[in-house]
Amino acid sequence: DMCMLDGHGRNNPDYLPQYGFFNAKGGVCNGITGGFEDEEDIAFNPPAQKDDMLQNWRWGEQWIPHGAWYLLAIMSQAQHISQLATSKNIKEQ
């Protein structure tokens, strides 16, 4: 149970704040990645690698492309809703 959008939801993943690496509020973290023993498996913050600075980027680091895709998605949704409202207003007149 977690939210990949930092500062929202619950249980946001940390990006090694004890080493001075912090995530920005509103940023989207990398998230779930390939497994360690089997790359076709999935991994998210496994105990053996949880505090490993060389591995934490896999799930805790924020990536600009993730934030950009999220921004595109919410703006597209807002545009669609706006167009629906405009269309409804035109039909009512």
PDB file of N, CA and C in Angstrom:
ATOM      1  N   ASP A   1       0.849  -1.170   0.000  1.00  0.00           N
ATOM      2  CA  ASP A   1       0.000   0.000   0.000  1.00  0.00           C
ATOM      3  C   ASP A   1       0.895   1.234   0.000  1.00  0.00           C
ATOM      4  N   MET A   2       1.108   1.809  -1.168  1.00  0.00           N
ATOM      5  CA  MET A   2       1.938   2.998  -1.242  1.00  0.00           C
ATOM      6  C   MET A   2       1.594   3.827  -2.454  1.00  0.00           C
ATOM      7  N   CYS A   3       2.039   5.054  -2.419  1.00  0.00           N
ATOM      8  CA  CYS A   3       1.840   5.975  -3.527  1.00  0.00           C
ATOM      9  C   CYS A   3       3.211   6.373  -4.070  1.00  0.00           C
ATOM     10  N   MET A   4       3.374   6.292  -5.388  1.00  0.00           N
ATOM     11  CA  MET A   4       4.648   6.638  -6.020  1.00  0.00           C
ATOM     12  C   MET A   4       4.796   8.145  -6.241  1.00  0.00           C
ATOM     13  N   LEU A   5       3.747   8.922  -5.964  1.00  0.00           N
ATOM     14  CA  LEU A   5       3.781  10.380  -6.098  1.00  0.00           C
ATOM     15  C   LEU A   5       4.130  10.966  -4.730  1.00  0.00           C
ATOM     16  N   ASP A   6       5.358  11.422  -4.575  1.00  0.00           N
ATOM     17  CA  ASP A   6       5.862  11.847  -3.275  1.00  0.00           C
ATOM     18  C   ASP A   6       5.024  12.978  -2.682  1.00  0.00           C
ATOM     19  N   GLY A   7       4.700  12.812  -1.403  1.00  0.00           N
ATOM     20  CA  GLY A   7       3.914  13.823  -0.701  1.00  0.00           C
ATOM     21  C   GLY A   7       2.417  13.577  -0.769  1.00  0.00           C
ATOM     22  N   HIS A   8       2.014  12.527  -1.463  1.00  0.00           N
ATOM     23  CA  HIS A   8       0.596  12.179  -1.588  1.00  0.00           C
ATOM     24  C   HIS A   8       0.417  10.719  -1.206  1.00  0.00           C
ATOM     25  N   GLY A   9      -0.783  10.346  -0.855  1.00  0.00           N
ATOM     26  CA  GLY A   9      -1.044   8.961  -0.486  1.00  0.00           C
ATOM     27  C   GLY A   9      -0.278   8.564   0.767  1.00  0.00           C
ATOM     28  N   ARG A  10       0.111   7.280   0.798  1.00  0.00           N
ATOM     29  CA  ARG A  10       0.796   6.755   1.983  1.00  0.00           C
ATOM     30  C   ARG A  10       2.055   6.002   1.578  1.00  0.00           C
ATOM     31  N   ASN A  11       2.960   5.870   2.532  1.00  0.00           N
ATOM     32  CA  ASN A  11       4.156   5.040   2.396  1.00  0.00           C
ATOM     33  C   ASN A  11       5.001   5.378   1.173  1.00  0.00           C
ATOM     34  N   ASN A  12       5.235   6.660   0.922  1.00  0.00           N
ATOM     35  CA  ASN A  12       6.101   7.042  -0.202  1.00  0.00           C
ATOM     36  C   ASN A  12       7.486   6.426  -0.022  1.00  0.00           C
ATOM     37  N   PRO A  13       8.081   5.878  -1.086  1.00  0.00           N
ATOM     38  CA  PRO A  13       9.427   5.314  -0.969  1.00  0.00           C
ATOM     39  C   PRO A  13      10.468   6.411  -0.714  1.00  0.00           C
ATOM     40  N   ASP A  14      11.417   6.131   0.159  1.00  0.00           N
ATOM     41  CA  ASP A  14      12.508   7.066   0.423  1.00  0.00           C
ATOM     42  C   ASP A  14      13.662   6.803  -0.532  1.00  0.00           C
ATOM     43  N   TYR A  15      14.406   7.847  -0.830  1.00  0.00           N
ATOM     44  CA  TYR A  15      15.599   7.714  -1.661  1.00  0.00           C
ATOM     45  C   TYR A  15      16.828   8.015  -0.812  1.00  0.00           C
ATOM     46  N   LEU A  16      17.083   7.178   0.171  1.00  0.00           N
ATOM     47  CA  LEU A  16      18.253   7.265   1.040  1.00  0.00           C
ATOM     48  C   LEU A  16      18.464   8.644   1.674  1.00  0.00           C
ATOM     49  N   PRO A  17      17.471   9.153   2.403  1.00  0.00           N
ATOM     50  CA  PRO A  17      17.642  10.470   3.030  1.00  0.00           C
ATOM     51  C   PRO A  17      18.787  10.490   4.041  1.00  0.00           C
ATOM     52  N   GLN A  18      19.111   9.328   4.622  1.00  0.00           N
ATOM     53  CA  GLN A  18      20.213   9.271   5.586  1.00  0.00           C
ATOM     54  C   GLN A  18      21.560   9.599   4.936  1.00  0.00           C
ATOM     55  N   TYR A  19      21.636   9.514   3.602  1.00  0.00           N
ATOM     56  CA  TYR A  19      22.861   9.869   2.871  1.00  0.00           C
ATOM     57  C   TYR A  19      22.736  11.228   2.170  1.00  0.00           C
ATOM     58  N   GLY A  20      21.653  11.945   2.451  1.00  0.00           N
ATOM     59  CA  GLY A  20      21.478  13.267   1.862  1.00  0.00           C
ATOM     60  C   GLY A  20      20.746  13.275   0.530  1.00  0.00           C
ATOM     61  N   PHE A  21      20.137  12.144   0.155  1.00  0.00           N
ATOM     62  CA  PHE A  21      19.373  12.064  -1.094  1.00  0.00           C
ATOM     63  C   PHE A  21      17.889  12.110  -0.751  1.00  0.00           C
ATOM     64  N   PHE A  22      17.222  13.169  -1.169  1.00  0.00           N
ATOM     65  CA  PHE A  22      15.813  13.352  -0.845  1.00  0.00           C
ATOM     66  C   PHE A  22      14.997  13.441  -2.125  1.00  0.00           C
ATOM     67  N   ASN A  23      13.751  13.018  -2.060  1.00  0.00           N
ATOM     68  CA  ASN A  23      12.836  13.172  -3.186  1.00  0.00           C
ATOM     69  C   ASN A  23      12.056  14.468  -3.034  1.00  0.00           C
ATOM     70  N   ALA A  24      11.715  15.076  -4.153  1.00  0.00           N
ATOM     71  CA  ALA A  24      10.941  16.315  -4.165  1.00  0.00           C
ATOM     72  C   ALA A  24       9.451  15.997  -4.074  1.00  0.00           C
ATOM     73  N   LYS A  25       8.726  16.786  -3.320  1.00  0.00           N
ATOM     74  CA  LYS A  25       7.278  16.611  -3.232  1.00  0.00           C
ATOM     75  C   LYS A  25       6.673  16.765  -4.625  1.00  0.00           C
ATOM     76  N   GLY A  26       5.803  15.849  -4.984  1.00  0.00           N
ATOM     77  CA  GLY A  26       5.158  15.882  -6.295  1.00  0.00           C
ATOM     78  C   GLY A  26       5.897  15.100  -7.361  1.00  0.00           C
ATOM     79  N   GLY A  27       7.118  14.652  -7.072  1.00  0.00           N
ATOM     80  CA  GLY A  27       7.879  13.855  -8.035  1.00  0.00           C
ATOM     81  C   GLY A  27       7.414  12.405  -8.032  1.00  0.00           C
ATOM     82  N   VAL A  28       7.625  11.717  -9.147  1.00  0.00           N
ATOM     83  CA  VAL A  28       7.219  10.319  -9.289  1.00  0.00           C
ATOM     84  C   VAL A  28       8.470   9.447  -9.227  1.00  0.00           C
ATOM     85  N   CYS A  29       8.481   8.502  -8.292  1.00  0.00           N
ATOM     86  CA  CYS A  29       9.668   7.654  -8.143  1.00  0.00           C
ATOM     87  C   CYS A  29       9.687   6.549  -9.197  1.00  0.00           C
ATOM     88  N   ASN A  30      10.841   5.935  -9.334  1.00  0.00           N
ATOM     89  CA  ASN A  30      11.060   4.907 -10.344  1.00  0.00           C
ATOM     90  C   ASN A  30      10.100   3.732 -10.174  1.00  0.00           C
ATOM     91  N   GLY A  31       9.935   3.244  -8.964  1.00  0.00           N
ATOM     92  CA  GLY A  31       8.940   2.213  -8.698  1.00  0.00           C
ATOM     93  C   GLY A  31       9.424   0.787  -8.790  1.00  0.00           C
ATOM     94  N   ILE A  32       8.577  -0.080  -9.286  1.00  0.00           N
ATOM     95  CA  ILE A  32       8.842  -1.515  -9.333  1.00  0.00           C
ATOM     96  C   ILE A  32       9.780  -1.822 -10.492  1.00  0.00           C
ATOM     97  N   THR A  33      10.791  -2.658 -10.233  1.00  0.00           N
ATOM     98  CA  THR A  33      11.779  -3.004 -11.253  1.00  0.00           C
ATOM     99  C   THR A  33      11.903  -4.517 -11.387  1.00  0.00           C
ATOM    100  N   GLY A  34      12.795  -4.951 -12.265  1.00  0.00           N
ATOM    101  CA  GLY A  34      13.060  -6.378 -12.445  1.00  0.00           C
ATOM    102  C   GLY A  34      13.650  -6.992 -11.187  1.00  0.00           C
ATOM    103  N   GLY A  35      13.431  -8.296 -11.024  1.00  0.00           N
ATOM    104  CA  GLY A  35      13.943  -9.009  -9.863  1.00  0.00           C
ATOM    105  C   GLY A  35      15.458  -9.129  -9.872  1.00  0.00           C
ATOM    106  N   PHE A  36      16.025  -9.553  -8.764  1.00  0.00           N
ATOM    107  CA  PHE A  36      17.477  -9.675  -8.649  1.00  0.00           C
ATOM    108  C   PHE A  36      17.974 -11.034  -9.132  1.00  0.00           C
ATOM    109  N   GLU A  37      17.321 -12.125  -8.736  1.00  0.00           N
ATOM    110  CA  GLU A  37      17.727 -13.448  -9.197  1.00  0.00           C
ATOM    111  C   GLU A  37      17.142 -13.760 -10.567  1.00  0.00           C
ATOM    112  N   ASP A  38      15.953 -13.268 -10.833  1.00  0.00           N
ATOM    113  CA  ASP A  38      15.257 -13.529 -12.095  1.00  0.00           C
ATOM    114  C   ASP A  38      14.760 -12.189 -12.627  1.00  0.00           C
ATOM    115  N   GLU A  39      15.357 -11.719 -13.729  1.00  0.00           N
ATOM    116  CA  GLU A  39      14.988 -10.389 -14.229  1.00  0.00           C
ATOM    117  C   GLU A  39      13.566 -10.321 -14.762  1.00  0.00           C
ATOM    118  N   GLU A  40      12.922 -11.478 -14.974  1.00  0.00           N
ATOM    119  CA  GLU A  40      11.515 -11.480 -15.381  1.00  0.00           C
ATOM    120  C   GLU A  40      10.587 -11.392 -14.179  1.00  0.00           C
ATOM    121  N   ASP A  41      11.148 -11.499 -12.994  1.00  0.00           N
ATOM    122  CA  ASP A  41      10.401 -11.335 -11.753  1.00  0.00           C
ATOM    123  C   ASP A  41      10.296  -9.832 -11.476  1.00  0.00           C
ATOM    124  N   ILE A  42       9.625  -9.452 -10.409  1.00  0.00           N
ATOM    125  CA  ILE A  42       9.556  -8.039 -10.038  1.00  0.00           C
ATOM    126  C   ILE A  42      10.145  -7.848  -8.643  1.00  0.00           C
ATOM    127  N   ALA A  43      10.649  -6.663  -8.399  1.00  0.00           N
ATOM    128  CA  ALA A  43      11.211  -6.339  -7.085  1.00  0.00           C
ATOM    129  C   ALA A  43      10.815  -4.916  -6.717  1.00  0.00           C
ATOM    130  N   PHE A  44      10.522  -4.743  -5.459  1.00  0.00           N
ATOM    131  CA  PHE A  44      10.327  -3.395  -4.937  1.00  0.00           C
ATOM    132  C   PHE A  44      10.867  -3.364  -3.520  1.00  0.00           C
ATOM    133  N   ASN A  45      11.975  -2.694  -3.341  1.00  0.00           N
ATOM    134  CA  ASN A  45      12.540  -2.468  -2.021  1.00  0.00           C
ATOM    135  C   ASN A  45      12.757  -3.755  -1.225  1.00  0.00           C
ATOM    136  N   PRO A  46      13.396  -4.789  -1.820  1.00  0.00           N
ATOM    137  CA  PRO A  46      13.611  -6.035  -1.079  1.00  0.00           C
ATOM    138  C   PRO A  46      14.545  -5.812   0.112  1.00  0.00           C
ATOM    139  N   PRO A  47      14.323  -6.529   1.213  1.00  0.00           N
ATOM    140  CA  PRO A  47      15.099  -6.300   2.439  1.00  0.00           C
ATOM    141  C   PRO A  47      16.617  -6.345   2.236  1.00  0.00           C
ATOM    142  N   ALA A  48      17.105  -7.267   1.416  1.00  0.00           N
ATOM    143  CA  ALA A  48      18.557  -7.402   1.236  1.00  0.00           C
ATOM    144  C   ALA A  48      19.181  -6.181   0.563  1.00  0.00           C
ATOM    145  N   GLN A  49      18.425  -5.459  -0.245  1.00  0.00           N
ATOM    146  CA  GLN A  49      18.951  -4.298  -0.968  1.00  0.00           C
ATOM    147  C   GLN A  49      18.354  -2.972  -0.498  1.00  0.00           C
ATOM    148  N   LYS A  50      17.502  -3.029   0.516  1.00  0.00           N
ATOM    149  CA  LYS A  50      16.744  -1.853   0.959  1.00  0.00           C
ATOM    150  C   LYS A  50      17.609  -0.608   1.178  1.00  0.00           C
ATOM    151  N   ASP A  51      18.741  -0.760   1.853  1.00  0.00           N
ATOM    152  CA  ASP A  51      19.590   0.393   2.164  1.00  0.00           C
ATOM    153  C   ASP A  51      20.875   0.417   1.345  1.00  0.00           C
ATOM    154  N   ASP A  52      20.924  -0.360   0.280  1.00  0.00           N
ATOM    155  CA  ASP A  52      22.106  -0.413  -0.583  1.00  0.00           C
ATOM    156  C   ASP A  52      22.084   0.775  -1.542  1.00  0.00           C
ATOM    157  N   MET A  53      23.028   1.685  -1.367  1.00  0.00           N
ATOM    158  CA  MET A  53      23.067   2.896  -2.177  1.00  0.00           C
ATOM    159  C   MET A  53      23.202   2.585  -3.669  1.00  0.00           C
ATOM    160  N   LEU A  54      23.795   1.452  -4.006  1.00  0.00           N
ATOM    161  CA  LEU A  54      23.975   1.088  -5.411  1.00  0.00           C
ATOM    162  C   LEU A  54      22.710   0.497  -6.032  1.00  0.00           C
ATOM    163  N   GLN A  55      21.727   0.152  -5.218  1.00  0.00           N
ATOM    164  CA  GLN A  55      20.498  -0.467  -5.726  1.00  0.00           C
ATOM    165  C   GLN A  55      19.248   0.369  -5.495  1.00  0.00           C
ATOM    166  N   ASN A  56      19.266   1.279  -4.530  1.00  0.00           N
ATOM    167  CA  ASN A  56      18.062   2.018  -4.141  1.00  0.00           C
ATOM    168  C   ASN A  56      17.462   2.837  -5.273  1.00  0.00           C
ATOM    169  N   TRP A  57      18.271   3.257  -6.233  1.00  0.00           N
ATOM    170  CA  TRP A  57      17.759   4.041  -7.365  1.00  0.00           C
ATOM    171  C   TRP A  57      16.662   3.286  -8.102  1.00  0.00           C
ATOM    172  N   ARG A  58      16.712   1.957  -8.052  1.00  0.00           N
ATOM    173  CA  ARG A  58      15.751   1.134  -8.794  1.00  0.00           C
ATOM    174  C   ARG A  58      14.309   1.460  -8.424  1.00  0.00           C
ATOM    175  N   TRP A  59      14.050   1.760  -7.172  1.00  0.00           N
ATOM    176  CA  TRP A  59      12.661   1.990  -6.746  1.00  0.00           C
ATOM    177  C   TRP A  59      12.460   3.355  -6.108  1.00  0.00           C
ATOM    178  N   GLY A  60      13.484   3.970  -5.532  1.00  0.00           N
ATOM    179  CA  GLY A  60      13.283   5.207  -4.786  1.00  0.00           C
ATOM    180  C   GLY A  60      13.595   6.488  -5.523  1.00  0.00           C
ATOM    181  N   GLU A  61      14.430   6.410  -6.563  1.00  0.00           N
ATOM    182  CA  GLU A  61      14.841   7.630  -7.256  1.00  0.00           C
ATOM    183  C   GLU A  61      13.716   8.178  -8.131  1.00  0.00           C
ATOM    184  N   GLN A  62      13.554   9.487  -8.113  1.00  0.00           N
ATOM    185  CA  GLN A  62      12.570  10.121  -8.994  1.00  0.00           C
ATOM    186  C   GLN A  62      13.195  10.327 -10.365  1.00  0.00           C
ATOM    187  N   TRP A  63      12.427  10.079 -11.390  1.00  0.00           N
ATOM    188  CA  TRP A  63      12.914  10.242 -12.758  1.00  0.00           C
ATOM    189  C   TRP A  63      12.046  11.264 -13.468  1.00  0.00           C
ATOM    190  N   ILE A  64      12.675  12.177 -14.178  1.00  0.00           N
ATOM    191  CA  ILE A  64      11.951  13.224 -14.895  1.00  0.00           C
ATOM    192  C   ILE A  64      10.957  12.643 -15.904  1.00  0.00           C
ATOM    193  N   PRO A  65      11.304  11.579 -16.665  1.00  0.00           N
ATOM    194  CA  PRO A  65      10.307  11.049 -17.612  1.00  0.00           C
ATOM    195  C   PRO A  65       9.019  10.589 -16.936  1.00  0.00           C
ATOM    196  N   HIS A  66       9.131  10.000 -15.736  1.00  0.00           N
ATOM    197  CA  HIS A  66       7.913   9.567 -15.037  1.00  0.00           C
ATOM    198  C   HIS A  66       7.039  10.772 -14.701  1.00  0.00           C
ATOM    199  N   GLY A  67       7.667  11.828 -14.201  1.00  0.00           N
ATOM    200  CA  GLY A  67       6.932  13.049 -13.890  1.00  0.00           C
ATOM    201  C   GLY A  67       6.320  13.675 -15.129  1.00  0.00           C
ATOM    202  N   ALA A  68       7.058  13.633 -16.241  1.00  0.00           N
ATOM    203  CA  ALA A  68       6.551  14.212 -17.495  1.00  0.00           C
ATOM    204  C   ALA A  68       5.342  13.436 -18.008  1.00  0.00           C
ATOM    205  N   TRP A  69       5.406  12.105 -17.967  1.00  0.00           N
ATOM    206  CA  TRP A  69       4.262  11.296 -18.413  1.00  0.00           C
ATOM    207  C   TRP A  69       3.048  11.525 -17.514  1.00  0.00           C
ATOM    208  N   TYR A  70       3.289  11.652 -16.202  1.00  0.00           N
ATOM    209  CA  TYR A  70       2.187  11.918 -15.280  1.00  0.00           C
ATOM    210  C   TYR A  70       1.552  13.273 -15.598  1.00  0.00           C
ATOM    211  N   LEU A  71       2.386  14.285 -15.811  1.00  0.00           N
ATOM    212  CA  LEU A  71       1.875  15.617 -16.142  1.00  0.00           C
ATOM    213  C   LEU A  71       1.078  15.588 -17.442  1.00  0.00           C
ATOM    214  N   LEU A  72       1.592  14.894 -18.458  1.00  0.00           N
ATOM    215  CA  LEU A  72       0.870  14.770 -19.725  1.00  0.00           C
ATOM    216  C   LEU A  72      -0.487  14.094 -19.512  1.00  0.00           C
ATOM    217  N   ALA A  73      -0.506  13.042 -18.694  1.00  0.00           N
ATOM    218  CA  ALA A  73      -1.757  12.315 -18.447  1.00  0.00           C
ATOM    219  C   ALA A  73      -2.800  13.192 -17.758  1.00  0.00           C
ATOM    220  N   ILE A  74      -2.405  13.925 -16.721  1.00  0.00           N
ATOM    221  CA  ILE A  74      -3.407  14.733 -16.018  1.00  0.00           C
ATOM    222  C   ILE A  74      -3.842  15.932 -16.849  1.00  0.00           C
ATOM    223  N   MET A  75      -2.944  16.476 -17.664  1.00  0.00           N
ATOM    224  CA  MET A  75      -3.331  17.594 -18.533  1.00  0.00           C
ATOM    225  C   MET A  75      -4.263  17.118 -19.649  1.00  0.00           C
ATOM    226  N   SER A  76      -4.012  15.932 -20.181  1.00  0.00           N
ATOM    227  CA  SER A  76      -4.903  15.374 -21.206  1.00  0.00           C
ATOM    228  C   SER A  76      -6.284  15.110 -20.628  1.00  0.00           C
ATOM    229  N   GLN A  77      -6.308  14.606 -19.402  1.00  0.00           N
ATOM    230  CA  GLN A  77      -7.583  14.351 -18.740  1.00  0.00           C
ATOM    231  C   GLN A  77      -8.321  15.671 -18.492  1.00  0.00           C
ATOM    232  N   ALA A  78      -7.617  16.688 -18.033  1.00  0.00           N
ATOM    233  CA  ALA A  78      -8.243  17.992 -17.786  1.00  0.00           C
ATOM    234  C   ALA A  78      -8.781  18.590 -19.084  1.00  0.00           C
ATOM    235  N   GLN A  79      -8.030  18.456 -20.169  1.00  0.00           N
ATOM    236  CA  GLN A  79      -8.477  18.976 -21.466  1.00  0.00           C
ATOM    237  C   GLN A  79      -9.739  18.247 -21.924  1.00  0.00           C
ATOM    238  N   HIS A  80      -9.764  16.936 -21.749  1.00  0.00           N
ATOM    239  CA  HIS A  80     -10.933  16.149 -22.153  1.00  0.00           C
ATOM    240  C   HIS A  80     -12.171  16.576 -21.357  1.00  0.00           C
ATOM    241  N   ILE A  81     -12.021  16.739 -20.060  1.00  0.00           N
ATOM    242  CA  ILE A  81     -13.143  17.160 -19.215  1.00  0.00           C
ATOM    243  C   ILE A  81     -13.612  18.556 -19.611  1.00  0.00           C
ATOM    244  N   SER A  82     -12.675  19.438 -19.905  1.00  0.00           N
ATOM    245  CA  SER A  82     -13.020  20.793 -20.340  1.00  0.00           C
ATOM    246  C   SER A  82     -13.795  20.770 -21.657  1.00  0.00           C
ATOM    247  N   GLN A  83     -13.361  19.929 -22.584  1.00  0.00           N
ATOM    248  CA  GLN A  83     -14.060  19.812 -23.870  1.00  0.00           C
ATOM    249  C   GLN A  83     -15.462  19.245 -23.685  1.00  0.00           C
ATOM    250  N   LEU A  84     -15.613  18.281 -22.788  1.00  0.00           N
ATOM    251  CA  LEU A  84     -16.946  17.733 -22.513  1.00  0.00           C
ATOM    252  C   LEU A  84     -17.862  18.808 -21.942  1.00  0.00           C
ATOM    253  N   ALA A  85     -17.343  19.604 -21.017  1.00  0.00           N
ATOM    254  CA  ALA A  85     -18.145  20.671 -20.406  1.00  0.00           C
ATOM    255  C   ALA A  85     -18.524  21.721 -21.445  1.00  0.00           C
ATOM    256  N   THR A  86     -17.586  22.083 -22.310  1.00  0.00           N
ATOM    257  CA  THR A  86     -17.862  23.061 -23.369  1.00  0.00           C
ATOM    258  C   THR A  86     -18.910  22.528 -24.326  1.00  0.00           C
ATOM    259  N   SER A  87     -18.782  21.271 -24.701  1.00  0.00           N
ATOM    260  CA  SER A  87     -19.740  20.635 -25.608  1.00  0.00           C
ATOM    261  C   SER A  87     -21.133  20.602 -24.987  1.00  0.00           C
ATOM    262  N   LYS A  88     -21.204  20.299 -23.703  1.00  0.00           N
ATOM    263  CA  LYS A  88     -22.489  20.251 -23.002  1.00  0.00           C
ATOM    264  C   LYS A  88     -23.119  21.641 -22.962  1.00  0.00           C
ATOM    265  N   ASN A  89     -22.318  22.674 -22.693  1.00  0.00           N
ATOM    266  CA  ASN A  89     -22.834  24.049 -22.643  1.00  0.00           C
ATOM    267  C   ASN A  89     -23.356  24.500 -23.999  1.00  0.00           C
ATOM    268  N   ILE A  90     -22.688  24.130 -25.074  1.00  0.00           N
ATOM    269  CA  ILE A  90     -23.129  24.503 -26.424  1.00  0.00           C
ATOM    270  C   ILE A  90     -24.468  23.838 -26.735  1.00  0.00           C
ATOM    271  N   LYS A  91     -24.619  22.566 -26.366  1.00  0.00           N
ATOM    272  CA  LYS A  91     -25.865  21.838 -26.636  1.00  0.00           C
ATOM    273  C   LYS A  91     -27.031  22.407 -25.841  1.00  0.00           C
ATOM    274  N   GLU A  92     -26.762  22.929 -24.635  1.00  0.00           N
ATOM    275  CA  GLU A  92     -27.823  23.464 -23.784  1.00  0.00           C
ATOM    276  C   GLU A  92     -28.309  24.829 -24.254  1.00  0.00           C
ATOM    277  N   GLN A  93     -27.533  25.518 -25.075  1.00  0.00           N
ATOM    278  CA  GLN A  93     -27.918  26.869 -25.499  1.00  0.00           C
ATOM    279  C   GLN A  93     -28.892  26.860 -26.609  1.00  0.00           C
TER     280      GLN A  93
END
